[in-house]
Amino acid sequence: MEEESWNQAPYDIENPYIPLATSITKDLDSLSPLSSECCIYRVPKRLRYVSENAYTPKVVFIGPLHHGKEGLNGMEEQKKRYLQDFQVRTQVSLEDYIKRIKEKEARLRSRYAEPIKLSSDEFVTVILWTPRSSLRSC
């Protein structure tokens, strides 16, 4: 019985871990909340420094994160050809695709961990250049 009471800390002694836990909790509470639908993240700079080539697009980009970066425009014409071919095969008008993307724009934007600083029309255009499988889900 005595051994049990020796292992139990008295209730009136302050827990020494509370100040650190409180400080960490404040840090955690200050984080910006991510959308529950968020699933697309930019690779953190620290990881990019480890292997810049592994994380930086060199030929083609997909989606808005690297849109407008120098040196990545070479495939844009090919993306347009793919979209044109996709339209012919599916017989869905460009206006219909634009409408579908506009209707789901807020949800699509919420998939990204960071705000996408493109106008609505720019965002829709970039999404139209993405692989066609993403348009099927719109």
N, C-alpha and C. Protein backbone atom coordinates (compact mmCIF):
# COMPACT_ATOMS: atom_id res chain seq x y z
N MET A 1 0.82 -1.19 0.00
CA MET A 1 0.00 0.00 0.00
C MET A 1 0.87 1.25 0.00
N GLU A 2 1.95 1.23 0.81
CA GLU A 2 2.84 2.38 0.85
C GLU A 2 3.48 2.62 -0.50
N GLU A 3 3.83 1.56 -1.21
CA GLU A 3 4.48 1.69 -2.51
C GLU A 3 3.57 2.42 -3.50
N GLU A 4 2.28 2.14 -3.48
CA GLU A 4 1.33 2.80 -4.38
C GLU A 4 1.29 4.29 -4.12
N SER A 5 1.23 4.72 -2.88
CA SER A 5 1.15 6.14 -2.57
C SER A 5 2.45 6.85 -2.95
N TRP A 6 3.57 6.17 -2.93
CA TRP A 6 4.85 6.77 -3.32
C TRP A 6 4.85 7.11 -4.82
N ASN A 7 4.20 6.29 -5.68
CA ASN A 7 4.17 6.51 -7.13
C ASN A 7 3.18 7.59 -7.56
N GLN A 8 2.28 7.97 -6.70
CA GLN A 8 1.28 8.97 -7.07
C GLN A 8 1.74 10.35 -6.61
N ALA A 9 1.74 11.31 -7.55
CA ALA A 9 2.14 12.67 -7.20
C ALA A 9 1.00 13.34 -6.44
N PRO A 10 1.34 14.14 -5.45
CA PRO A 10 0.28 14.87 -4.73
C PRO A 10 -0.45 15.81 -5.70
N TYR A 11 -1.73 15.99 -5.45
CA TYR A 11 -2.56 16.81 -6.34
C TYR A 11 -2.22 18.28 -6.27
N ASP A 12 -1.62 18.73 -5.19
CA ASP A 12 -1.36 20.16 -5.04
C ASP A 12 -0.05 20.60 -5.71
N ILE A 13 0.73 19.69 -6.26
CA ILE A 13 1.96 20.05 -6.97
C ILE A 13 1.59 20.32 -8.42
N GLU A 14 2.04 21.48 -8.94
CA GLU A 14 1.73 21.84 -10.32
C GLU A 14 2.44 20.91 -11.29
N ASN A 15 1.75 20.55 -12.34
CA ASN A 15 2.33 19.71 -13.39
C ASN A 15 3.39 20.53 -14.12
N PRO A 16 4.65 20.10 -14.15
CA PRO A 16 5.72 20.90 -14.77
C PRO A 16 5.61 20.98 -16.29
N TYR A 17 4.75 20.19 -16.89
CA TYR A 17 4.64 20.17 -18.35
C TYR A 17 3.58 21.14 -18.87
N ILE A 18 2.76 21.66 -17.98
CA ILE A 18 1.66 22.54 -18.39
C ILE A 18 2.15 23.79 -19.13
N PRO A 19 3.16 24.51 -18.65
CA PRO A 19 3.57 25.72 -19.38
C PRO A 19 4.00 25.44 -20.83
N LEU A 20 4.77 24.39 -21.03
CA LEU A 20 5.20 24.06 -22.40
C LEU A 20 4.01 23.62 -23.24
N ALA A 21 3.14 22.81 -22.67
CA ALA A 21 1.95 22.35 -23.40
C ALA A 21 1.07 23.54 -23.77
N THR A 22 0.93 24.50 -22.88
CA THR A 22 0.14 25.71 -23.15
C THR A 22 0.75 26.51 -24.29
N SER A 23 2.06 26.66 -24.27
CA SER A 23 2.76 27.40 -25.32
C SER A 23 2.58 26.72 -26.68
N ILE A 24 2.75 25.42 -26.71
CA ILE A 24 2.60 24.68 -27.97
C ILE A 24 1.15 24.74 -28.45
N THR A 25 0.20 24.65 -27.54
CA THR A 25 -1.21 24.74 -27.90
C THR A 25 -1.52 26.08 -28.55
N LYS A 26 -0.95 27.18 -28.02
CA LYS A 26 -1.15 28.50 -28.63
C LYS A 26 -0.60 28.52 -30.05
N ASP A 27 0.57 27.93 -30.25
CA ASP A 27 1.14 27.86 -31.60
C ASP A 27 0.23 27.08 -32.53
N LEU A 28 -0.28 25.96 -32.07
CA LEU A 28 -1.16 25.14 -32.90
C LEU A 28 -2.47 25.86 -33.20
N ASP A 29 -2.99 26.58 -32.22
CA ASP A 29 -4.25 27.31 -32.42
C ASP A 29 -4.10 28.47 -33.40
N SER A 30 -2.87 28.95 -33.59
CA SER A 30 -2.66 30.09 -34.50
C SER A 30 -2.52 29.65 -35.96
N LEU A 31 -2.47 28.35 -36.22
CA LEU A 31 -2.37 27.87 -37.60
C LEU A 31 -3.64 28.19 -38.37
N SER A 32 -3.48 28.55 -39.62
CA SER A 32 -4.65 28.75 -40.48
C SER A 32 -5.29 27.40 -40.75
N PRO A 33 -6.59 27.32 -40.63
CA PRO A 33 -7.24 26.02 -40.87
C PRO A 33 -7.21 25.67 -42.36
N LEU A 34 -7.02 24.41 -42.65
CA LEU A 34 -7.08 23.92 -44.03
C LEU A 34 -8.48 23.41 -44.29
N SER A 35 -8.90 23.54 -45.52
CA SER A 35 -10.18 22.99 -45.92
C SER A 35 -10.16 21.48 -45.71
N SER A 36 -11.29 20.92 -45.35
CA SER A 36 -11.34 19.47 -45.19
C SER A 36 -11.14 18.77 -46.53
N GLU A 37 -11.32 19.52 -47.63
CA GLU A 37 -11.13 18.95 -48.96
C GLU A 37 -9.71 19.17 -49.49
N CYS A 38 -8.89 19.86 -48.72
CA CYS A 38 -7.53 20.18 -49.16
C CYS A 38 -6.72 18.91 -49.38
N CYS A 39 -6.14 18.79 -50.58
CA CYS A 39 -5.34 17.60 -50.87
C CYS A 39 -4.18 17.90 -51.82
N ILE A 40 -3.98 19.17 -52.17
CA ILE A 40 -2.89 19.54 -53.08
C ILE A 40 -2.02 20.56 -52.37
N TYR A 41 -0.77 20.20 -52.15
CA TYR A 41 0.15 21.03 -51.40
C TYR A 41 1.37 21.37 -52.23
N ARG A 42 1.98 22.51 -51.95
CA ARG A 42 3.26 22.86 -52.55
C ARG A 42 4.34 22.19 -51.69
N VAL A 43 5.36 21.67 -52.33
CA VAL A 43 6.45 21.03 -51.58
C VAL A 43 7.16 22.12 -50.78
N PRO A 44 7.34 21.94 -49.47
CA PRO A 44 8.02 22.95 -48.65
C PRO A 44 9.44 23.24 -49.15
N LYS A 45 9.86 24.50 -48.98
CA LYS A 45 11.18 24.92 -49.48
C LYS A 45 12.31 24.05 -48.94
N ARG A 46 12.22 23.66 -47.69
CA ARG A 46 13.30 22.84 -47.11
C ARG A 46 13.49 21.54 -47.88
N LEU A 47 12.38 20.92 -48.28
CA LEU A 47 12.48 19.69 -49.06
C LEU A 47 12.99 19.97 -50.46
N ARG A 48 12.58 21.11 -51.02
CA ARG A 48 13.03 21.48 -52.36
C ARG A 48 14.54 21.66 -52.39
N TYR A 49 15.11 22.20 -51.32
CA TYR A 49 16.56 22.41 -51.27
C TYR A 49 17.32 21.09 -51.30
N VAL A 50 16.72 20.05 -50.75
CA VAL A 50 17.36 18.73 -50.75
C VAL A 50 17.56 18.24 -52.18
N SER A 51 16.53 18.41 -53.00
CA SER A 51 16.61 17.97 -54.39
C SER A 51 15.70 18.84 -55.24
N GLU A 52 16.18 20.01 -55.59
CA GLU A 52 15.40 20.97 -56.38
C GLU A 52 14.85 20.33 -57.65
N ASN A 53 15.66 19.55 -58.33
CA ASN A 53 15.24 18.94 -59.59
C ASN A 53 14.07 17.97 -59.42
N ALA A 54 14.01 17.33 -58.28
CA ALA A 54 12.95 16.34 -58.06
C ALA A 54 11.57 16.99 -57.90
N TYR A 55 11.54 18.25 -57.48
CA TYR A 55 10.27 18.88 -57.15
C TYR A 55 9.89 20.06 -58.04
N THR A 56 10.73 20.41 -58.99
CA THR A 56 10.46 21.56 -59.85
C THR A 56 10.14 21.11 -61.26
N PRO A 57 8.97 21.48 -61.77
CA PRO A 57 8.64 21.09 -63.14
C PRO A 57 9.64 21.69 -64.12
N LYS A 58 10.05 20.89 -65.09
CA LYS A 58 11.02 21.35 -66.09
C LYS A 58 10.40 21.46 -67.48
N VAL A 59 9.38 20.65 -67.75
CA VAL A 59 8.81 20.59 -69.09
C VAL A 59 7.34 21.02 -69.09
N VAL A 60 6.59 20.51 -68.14
CA VAL A 60 5.15 20.76 -68.13
C VAL A 60 4.68 20.93 -66.69
N PHE A 61 3.67 21.76 -66.51
CA PHE A 61 3.04 21.88 -65.21
C PHE A 61 1.57 21.51 -65.36
N ILE A 62 1.00 21.03 -64.29
CA ILE A 62 -0.41 20.67 -64.27
C ILE A 62 -1.05 21.46 -63.14
N GLY A 63 -2.05 22.24 -63.46
CA GLY A 63 -2.74 23.02 -62.44
C GLY A 63 -2.12 24.38 -62.22
N PRO A 64 -2.68 25.13 -61.26
CA PRO A 64 -2.31 26.53 -61.11
C PRO A 64 -1.05 26.83 -60.30
N LEU A 65 -0.47 25.89 -59.59
CA LEU A 65 0.66 26.21 -58.72
C LEU A 65 1.87 26.76 -59.47
N HIS A 66 2.15 26.28 -60.65
CA HIS A 66 3.32 26.74 -61.41
C HIS A 66 2.93 27.55 -62.64
N HIS A 67 1.67 27.93 -62.72
CA HIS A 67 1.17 28.68 -63.87
C HIS A 67 1.94 30.00 -64.02
N GLY A 68 2.36 30.28 -65.25
CA GLY A 68 3.03 31.54 -65.54
C GLY A 68 4.52 31.56 -65.32
N LYS A 69 5.10 30.45 -64.86
CA LYS A 69 6.55 30.42 -64.64
C LYS A 69 7.28 30.30 -65.96
N GLU A 70 8.37 31.06 -66.06
CA GLU A 70 9.19 31.04 -67.26
C GLU A 70 9.71 29.63 -67.54
N GLY A 71 9.78 29.29 -68.79
CA GLY A 71 10.35 28.01 -69.19
C GLY A 71 9.38 26.85 -69.21
N LEU A 72 8.17 27.06 -68.74
CA LEU A 72 7.19 25.96 -68.70
C LEU A 72 6.10 26.14 -69.74
N ASN A 73 6.26 27.07 -70.64
CA ASN A 73 5.21 27.34 -71.61
C ASN A 73 5.31 26.49 -72.87
N GLY A 74 6.37 25.71 -73.01
CA GLY A 74 6.57 24.92 -74.21
C GLY A 74 5.47 23.92 -74.49
N MET A 75 4.84 23.41 -73.48
CA MET A 75 3.80 22.40 -73.65
C MET A 75 2.40 22.99 -73.73
N GLU A 76 2.27 24.29 -73.58
CA GLU A 76 0.93 24.89 -73.58
C GLU A 76 0.19 24.65 -74.89
N GLU A 77 0.89 24.76 -76.01
CA GLU A 77 0.23 24.52 -77.30
C GLU A 77 -0.25 23.07 -77.38
N GLN A 78 0.56 22.15 -76.88
CA GLN A 78 0.16 20.74 -76.91
C GLN A 78 -1.05 20.51 -76.01
N LYS A 79 -1.09 21.17 -74.85
CA LYS A 79 -2.26 21.04 -73.97
C LYS A 79 -3.52 21.50 -74.68
N LYS A 80 -3.39 22.58 -75.45
CA LYS A 80 -4.54 23.09 -76.20
C LYS A 80 -5.00 22.07 -77.24
N ARG A 81 -4.05 21.42 -77.88
CA ARG A 81 -4.40 20.38 -78.86
C ARG A 81 -5.13 19.21 -78.18
N TYR A 82 -4.64 18.84 -76.99
CA TYR A 82 -5.30 17.76 -76.25
C TYR A 82 -6.74 18.15 -75.91
N LEU A 83 -6.94 19.38 -75.48
CA LEU A 83 -8.29 19.83 -75.16
C LEU A 83 -9.18 19.80 -76.40
N GLN A 84 -8.64 20.28 -77.51
CA GLN A 84 -9.40 20.29 -78.76
C GLN A 84 -9.79 18.86 -79.17
N ASP A 85 -8.85 17.95 -79.08
CA ASP A 85 -9.12 16.54 -79.41
C ASP A 85 -10.15 15.95 -78.45
N PHE A 86 -10.02 16.28 -77.18
CA PHE A 86 -10.95 15.78 -76.17
C PHE A 86 -12.37 16.26 -76.47
N GLN A 87 -12.51 17.51 -76.85
CA GLN A 87 -13.82 18.06 -77.20
C GLN A 87 -14.44 17.30 -78.37
N VAL A 88 -13.64 17.03 -79.38
CA VAL A 88 -14.13 16.31 -80.56
C VAL A 88 -14.60 14.91 -80.17
N ARG A 89 -13.79 14.23 -79.36
CA ARG A 89 -14.13 12.86 -78.97
C ARG A 89 -15.36 12.79 -78.07
N THR A 90 -15.49 13.74 -77.16
CA THR A 90 -16.62 13.70 -76.22
C THR A 90 -17.86 14.41 -76.72
N GLN A 91 -17.67 15.25 -77.73
CA GLN A 91 -18.76 16.05 -78.29
C GLN A 91 -19.44 16.92 -77.24
N VAL A 92 -18.63 17.44 -76.33
CA VAL A 92 -19.11 18.37 -75.31
C VAL A 92 -18.53 19.73 -75.66
N SER A 93 -19.36 20.76 -75.62
CA SER A 93 -18.89 22.09 -76.02
C SER A 93 -17.97 22.69 -74.96
N LEU A 94 -17.13 23.58 -75.41
CA LEU A 94 -16.23 24.29 -74.51
C LEU A 94 -17.04 25.07 -73.47
N GLU A 95 -18.15 25.64 -73.90
CA GLU A 95 -19.02 26.38 -72.98
C GLU A 95 -19.53 25.48 -71.85
N ASP A 96 -19.86 24.23 -72.19
CA ASP A 96 -20.31 23.29 -71.15
C ASP A 96 -19.20 22.98 -70.16
N TYR A 97 -17.97 22.79 -70.64
CA TYR A 97 -16.86 22.54 -69.73
C TYR A 97 -16.60 23.75 -68.84
N ILE A 98 -16.65 24.94 -69.44
CA ILE A 98 -16.45 26.16 -68.65
C ILE A 98 -17.52 26.27 -67.57
N LYS A 99 -18.76 26.01 -67.95
CA LYS A 99 -19.87 26.07 -66.98
C LYS A 99 -19.64 25.08 -65.84
N ARG A 100 -19.27 23.86 -66.17
CA ARG A 100 -19.03 22.83 -65.14
C ARG A 100 -17.91 23.25 -64.18
N ILE A 101 -16.83 23.78 -64.74
CA ILE A 101 -15.71 24.18 -63.90
C ILE A 101 -16.09 25.37 -63.03
N LYS A 102 -16.78 26.35 -63.62
CA LYS A 102 -17.21 27.54 -62.85
C LYS A 102 -18.12 27.12 -61.69
N GLU A 103 -19.02 26.17 -61.94
CA GLU A 103 -19.93 25.70 -60.90
C GLU A 103 -19.18 25.04 -59.74
N LYS A 104 -18.04 24.45 -60.04
CA LYS A 104 -17.28 23.74 -59.01
C LYS A 104 -15.99 24.47 -58.63
N GLU A 105 -15.86 25.71 -59.06
CA GLU A 105 -14.62 26.45 -58.84
C GLU A 105 -14.25 26.56 -57.36
N ALA A 106 -15.20 26.91 -56.52
CA ALA A 106 -14.90 27.05 -55.09
C ALA A 106 -14.37 25.74 -54.51
N ARG A 107 -15.00 24.64 -54.88
CA ARG A 107 -14.55 23.34 -54.38
C ARG A 107 -13.17 22.99 -54.92
N LEU A 108 -12.94 23.27 -56.21
CA LEU A 108 -11.63 23.00 -56.81
C LEU A 108 -10.54 23.83 -56.13
N ARG A 109 -10.82 25.10 -55.89
CA ARG A 109 -9.84 25.96 -55.22
C ARG A 109 -9.56 25.47 -53.80
N SER A 110 -10.59 24.94 -53.13
CA SER A 110 -10.41 24.48 -51.75
C SER A 110 -9.51 23.26 -51.65
N ARG A 111 -9.23 22.62 -52.76
CA ARG A 111 -8.35 21.45 -52.77
C ARG A 111 -6.89 21.85 -52.55
N TYR A 112 -6.57 23.12 -52.79
CA TYR A 112 -5.19 23.59 -52.66
C TYR A 112 -4.95 24.12 -51.25
N ALA A 113 -3.78 23.81 -50.70
CA ALA A 113 -3.44 24.23 -49.35
C ALA A 113 -3.20 25.73 -49.25
N GLU A 114 -2.90 26.36 -50.37
CA GLU A 114 -2.65 27.81 -50.37
C GLU A 114 -3.62 28.48 -51.32
N PRO A 115 -3.90 29.75 -51.08
CA PRO A 115 -4.81 30.46 -51.99
C PRO A 115 -4.24 30.54 -53.40
N ILE A 116 -5.08 30.36 -54.38
CA ILE A 116 -4.67 30.46 -55.78
C ILE A 116 -4.99 31.89 -56.23
N LYS A 117 -3.95 32.62 -56.56
CA LYS A 117 -4.11 34.05 -56.89
C LYS A 117 -4.34 34.26 -58.38
N LEU A 118 -5.33 33.61 -58.90
CA LEU A 118 -5.73 33.78 -60.29
C LEU A 118 -7.18 34.25 -60.31
N SER A 119 -7.52 35.05 -61.31
CA SER A 119 -8.93 35.43 -61.46
C SER A 119 -9.73 34.17 -61.78
N SER A 120 -11.02 34.28 -61.71
CA SER A 120 -11.88 33.14 -62.01
C SER A 120 -11.64 32.63 -63.43
N ASP A 121 -11.58 33.53 -64.39
CA ASP A 121 -11.36 33.11 -65.78
C ASP A 121 -9.99 32.47 -65.98
N GLU A 122 -8.96 33.04 -65.33
CA GLU A 122 -7.61 32.45 -65.44
C GLU A 122 -7.59 31.05 -64.83
N PHE A 123 -8.24 30.91 -63.67
CA PHE A 123 -8.28 29.62 -63.00
C PHE A 123 -8.98 28.58 -63.88
N VAL A 124 -10.11 28.94 -64.45
CA VAL A 124 -10.86 28.01 -65.31
C VAL A 124 -10.00 27.62 -66.51
N THR A 125 -9.31 28.58 -67.09
CA THR A 125 -8.44 28.28 -68.24
C THR A 125 -7.35 27.29 -67.87
N VAL A 126 -6.71 27.51 -66.73
CA VAL A 126 -5.65 26.59 -66.29
C VAL A 126 -6.22 25.19 -66.06
N ILE A 127 -7.39 25.12 -65.46
CA ILE A 127 -8.02 23.81 -65.23
C ILE A 127 -8.36 23.14 -66.56
N LEU A 128 -8.76 23.91 -67.55
CA LEU A 128 -9.05 23.33 -68.87
C LEU A 128 -7.81 22.71 -69.50
N TRP A 129 -6.63 23.21 -69.17
CA TRP A 129 -5.39 22.67 -69.74
C TRP A 129 -4.91 21.44 -68.97
N THR A 130 -5.59 21.08 -67.90
CA THR A 130 -5.14 19.93 -67.12
C THR A 130 -5.54 18.64 -67.83
N PRO A 131 -5.03 17.50 -67.35
CA PRO A 131 -5.41 16.23 -67.99
C PRO A 131 -6.92 16.07 -68.05
N ARG A 132 -7.38 15.50 -69.10
CA ARG A 132 -8.81 15.39 -69.34
C ARG A 132 -9.55 14.57 -68.30
N SER A 133 -8.89 13.68 -67.62
CA SER A 133 -9.59 12.88 -66.61
C SER A 133 -10.19 13.78 -65.54
N SER A 134 -9.55 14.92 -65.26
CA SER A 134 -10.11 15.82 -64.26
C SER A 134 -11.37 16.51 -64.77
N LEU A 135 -11.47 16.70 -66.08
CA LEU A 135 -12.68 17.30 -66.64
C LEU A 135 -13.85 16.33 -66.59
N ARG A 136 -13.56 15.06 -66.69
CA ARG A 136 -14.64 14.07 -66.62
C ARG A 136 -15.32 14.10 -65.26
N SER A 137 -14.54 14.44 -64.22
CA SER A 137 -15.11 14.45 -62.88
C SER A 137 -15.85 15.75 -62.58
N CYS A 138 -15.74 16.74 -63.46
CA CYS A 138 -16.44 18.02 -63.24
C CYS A 138 -17.91 17.89 -63.57
